[in-house]
Amino acid sequence: MPLQVELVAADRSVWSGEASLVRARTADGDIGIMAGHEPVLAVLAGGDVLISGAGAGGEGITASVSGGFFSVDHDVVTIVAETVEVGASSASTGH
């Protein structure tokens, strides 16, 4: 079962869809989320968020975000940041 991901900026919804893996930087360090992950609520640090298995052809989406919040509950990942800039990338792109 894929993750349902919602990427939201302070002023608008930026992207939503399915993914196999979400990687982000939190105030406590990097985190990777796959289906079945325990619930998490974390403070999001500025940097890149990688959404693997998403976008055209399933190659992945990379978003540069400012600080915000990162939430996981029942295979739903919600990322809320002050600013978000999205660009497509390959799934092998890392931090």
C-alpha atoms as a PDB file:
ATOM      1  CA  MET A   1       0.000   0.000   0.000  1.00  0.00           C
ATOM      2  CA  PRO A   2       1.531   3.357  -1.005  1.00  0.00           C
ATOM      3  CA  LEU A   3       1.805   6.434   1.156  1.00  0.00           C
ATOM      4  CA  GLN A   4      -0.608   9.296   0.565  1.00  0.00           C
ATOM      5  CA  VAL A   5       1.395  12.533   0.598  1.00  0.00           C
ATOM      6  CA  GLU A   6       0.181  16.115   0.938  1.00  0.00           C
ATOM      7  CA  LEU A   7       2.712  18.947   0.488  1.00  0.00           C
ATOM      8  CA  VAL A   8       1.376  22.321   1.608  1.00  0.00           C
ATOM      9  CA  ALA A   9       2.872  25.823   1.664  1.00  0.00           C
ATOM     10  CA  ALA A  10       1.535  28.481   4.007  1.00  0.00           C
ATOM     11  CA  ASP A  11      -0.550  30.008   1.221  1.00  0.00           C
ATOM     12  CA  ARG A  12      -1.524  27.016  -0.971  1.00  0.00           C
ATOM     13  CA  SER A  13      -1.602  23.281  -1.535  1.00  0.00           C
ATOM     14  CA  VAL A  14       1.482  22.484  -3.641  1.00  0.00           C
ATOM     15  CA  TRP A  15       1.348  18.759  -4.435  1.00  0.00           C
ATOM     16  CA  SER A  16      -0.525  15.637  -3.398  1.00  0.00           C
ATOM     17  CA  GLY A  17      -0.293  12.047  -4.538  1.00  0.00           C
ATOM     18  CA  GLU A  18       1.061   8.590  -3.794  1.00  0.00           C
ATOM     19  CA  ALA A  19       4.650   7.662  -2.953  1.00  0.00           C
ATOM     20  CA  SER A  20       6.691   4.679  -1.837  1.00  0.00           C
ATOM     21  CA  LEU A  21       9.171   6.670   0.307  1.00  0.00           C
ATOM     22  CA  VAL A  22       9.364  10.173   1.767  1.00  0.00           C
ATOM     23  CA  ARG A  23      12.652  11.549   3.116  1.00  0.00           C
ATOM     24  CA  ALA A  24      12.951  14.854   4.960  1.00  0.00           C
ATOM     25  CA  ARG A  25      15.156  16.709   7.411  1.00  0.00           C
ATOM     26  CA  THR A  26      13.626  17.390  10.824  1.00  0.00           C
ATOM     27  CA  ALA A  27      14.978  19.331  13.783  1.00  0.00           C
ATOM     28  CA  ASP A  28      16.118  15.945  15.203  1.00  0.00           C
ATOM     29  CA  GLY A  29      17.785  14.742  11.980  1.00  0.00           C
ATOM     30  CA  ASP A  30      16.888  13.052   8.708  1.00  0.00           C
ATOM     31  CA  ILE A  31      13.855  10.776   8.571  1.00  0.00           C
ATOM     32  CA  GLY A  32      12.650   8.259   5.987  1.00  0.00           C
ATOM     33  CA  ILE A  33       9.035   7.118   5.894  1.00  0.00           C
ATOM     34  CA  MET A  34       7.625   4.037   4.166  1.00  0.00           C
ATOM     35  CA  ALA A  35       4.158   2.474   4.377  1.00  0.00           C
ATOM     36  CA  GLY A  36       3.386   1.071   7.823  1.00  0.00           C
ATOM     37  CA  HIS A  37       5.532   3.620   9.697  1.00  0.00           C
ATOM     38  CA  GLU A  38       4.587   4.525  13.260  1.00  0.00           C
ATOM     39  CA  PRO A  39       2.843   7.897  13.716  1.00  0.00           C
ATOM     40  CA  VAL A  40       5.267  10.837  13.827  1.00  0.00           C
ATOM     41  CA  LEU A  41       4.914  14.558  14.401  1.00  0.00           C
ATOM     42  CA  ALA A  42       8.135  16.489  13.919  1.00  0.00           C
ATOM     43  CA  VAL A  43       9.422  20.022  13.368  1.00  0.00           C
ATOM     44  CA  LEU A  44      10.613  20.278   9.769  1.00  0.00           C
ATOM     45  CA  ALA A  45      14.021  21.852   9.153  1.00  0.00           C
ATOM     46  CA  GLY A  46      14.749  23.788   5.984  1.00  0.00           C
ATOM     47  CA  GLY A  47      16.127  21.720   3.119  1.00  0.00           C
ATOM     48  CA  ASP A  48      15.035  19.159   0.556  1.00  0.00           C
ATOM     49  CA  VAL A  49      12.168  16.687   0.834  1.00  0.00           C
ATOM     50  CA  LEU A  50      12.380  13.680  -1.494  1.00  0.00           C
ATOM     51  CA  ILE A  51       9.139  11.963  -2.476  1.00  0.00           C
ATOM     52  CA  SER A  52      10.123   8.710  -4.239  1.00  0.00           C
ATOM     53  CA  GLY A  53       7.809   6.815  -6.544  1.00  0.00           C
ATOM     54  CA  ALA A  54       5.843   9.987  -7.277  1.00  0.00           C
ATOM     55  CA  GLY A  55       5.342  12.180 -10.291  1.00  0.00           C
ATOM     56  CA  ALA A  56       5.456  11.414 -14.000  1.00  0.00           C
ATOM     57  CA  GLY A  57       6.779   7.894 -14.486  1.00  0.00           C
ATOM     58  CA  GLY A  58       7.222   7.404 -10.737  1.00  0.00           C
ATOM     59  CA  GLU A  59      10.782   8.734 -10.688  1.00  0.00           C
ATOM     60  CA  GLY A  60      10.287  11.132  -7.798  1.00  0.00           C
ATOM     61  CA  ILE A  61       9.739  14.706  -6.734  1.00  0.00           C
ATOM     62  CA  THR A  62      12.171  16.903  -4.821  1.00  0.00           C
ATOM     63  CA  ALA A  63      10.858  19.926  -2.945  1.00  0.00           C
ATOM     64  CA  SER A  64      12.924  22.609  -1.233  1.00  0.00           C
ATOM     65  CA  VAL A  65      11.122  23.673   1.925  1.00  0.00           C
ATOM     66  CA  SER A  66      11.536  26.160   4.731  1.00  0.00           C
ATOM     67  CA  GLY A  67      10.763  25.194   8.312  1.00  0.00           C
ATOM     68  CA  GLY A  68       7.368  23.780   9.181  1.00  0.00           C
ATOM     69  CA  PHE A  69       5.833  20.503  10.347  1.00  0.00           C
ATOM     70  CA  PHE A  70       6.023  16.871   9.215  1.00  0.00           C
ATOM     71  CA  SER A  71       3.234  14.475  10.206  1.00  0.00           C
ATOM     72  CA  VAL A  72       2.712  10.755   9.574  1.00  0.00           C
ATOM     73  CA  ASP A  73      -0.431   8.865  10.568  1.00  0.00           C
ATOM     74  CA  HIS A  74      -2.001   5.740   8.981  1.00  0.00           C
ATOM     75  CA  ASP A  75       0.177   5.957   5.821  1.00  0.00           C
ATOM     76  CA  VAL A  76      -0.717   9.617   5.301  1.00  0.00           C
ATOM     77  CA  VAL A  77       2.239  12.024   5.232  1.00  0.00           C
ATOM     78  CA  THR A  78       1.466  15.723   5.590  1.00  0.00           C
ATOM     79  CA  ILE A  79       4.230  18.281   5.119  1.00  0.00           C
ATOM     80  CA  VAL A  80       3.398  21.903   5.924  1.00  0.00           C
ATOM     81  CA  ALA A  81       6.091  24.526   5.309  1.00  0.00           C
ATOM     82  CA  GLU A  82       6.229  28.309   5.043  1.00  0.00           C
ATOM     83  CA  THR A  83       7.612  28.086   1.509  1.00  0.00           C
ATOM     84  CA  VAL A  84       7.829  25.176  -0.943  1.00  0.00           C
ATOM     85  CA  GLU A  85       9.548  24.967  -4.359  1.00  0.00           C
ATOM     86  CA  VAL A  86       8.968  21.734  -6.302  1.00  0.00           C
ATOM     87  CA  GLY A  87      11.068  20.188  -9.074  1.00  0.00           C
ATOM     88  CA  ALA A  88      11.196  16.645 -10.514  1.00  0.00           C
ATOM     89  CA  SER A  89      14.247  14.470  -9.883  1.00  0.00           C
ATOM     90  CA  SER A  90      15.362  10.867 -10.015  1.00  0.00           C
ATOM     91  CA  ALA A  91      14.586   8.553  -7.086  1.00  0.00           C
ATOM     92  CA  SER A  92      18.322   8.159  -6.463  1.00  0.00           C
ATOM     93  CA  THR A  93      18.737  11.819  -5.522  1.00  0.00           C
ATOM     94  CA  GLY A  94      19.764  12.157  -1.883  1.00  0.00           C
ATOM     95  CA  HIS A  95      20.476  14.853   0.701  1.00  0.00           C
END
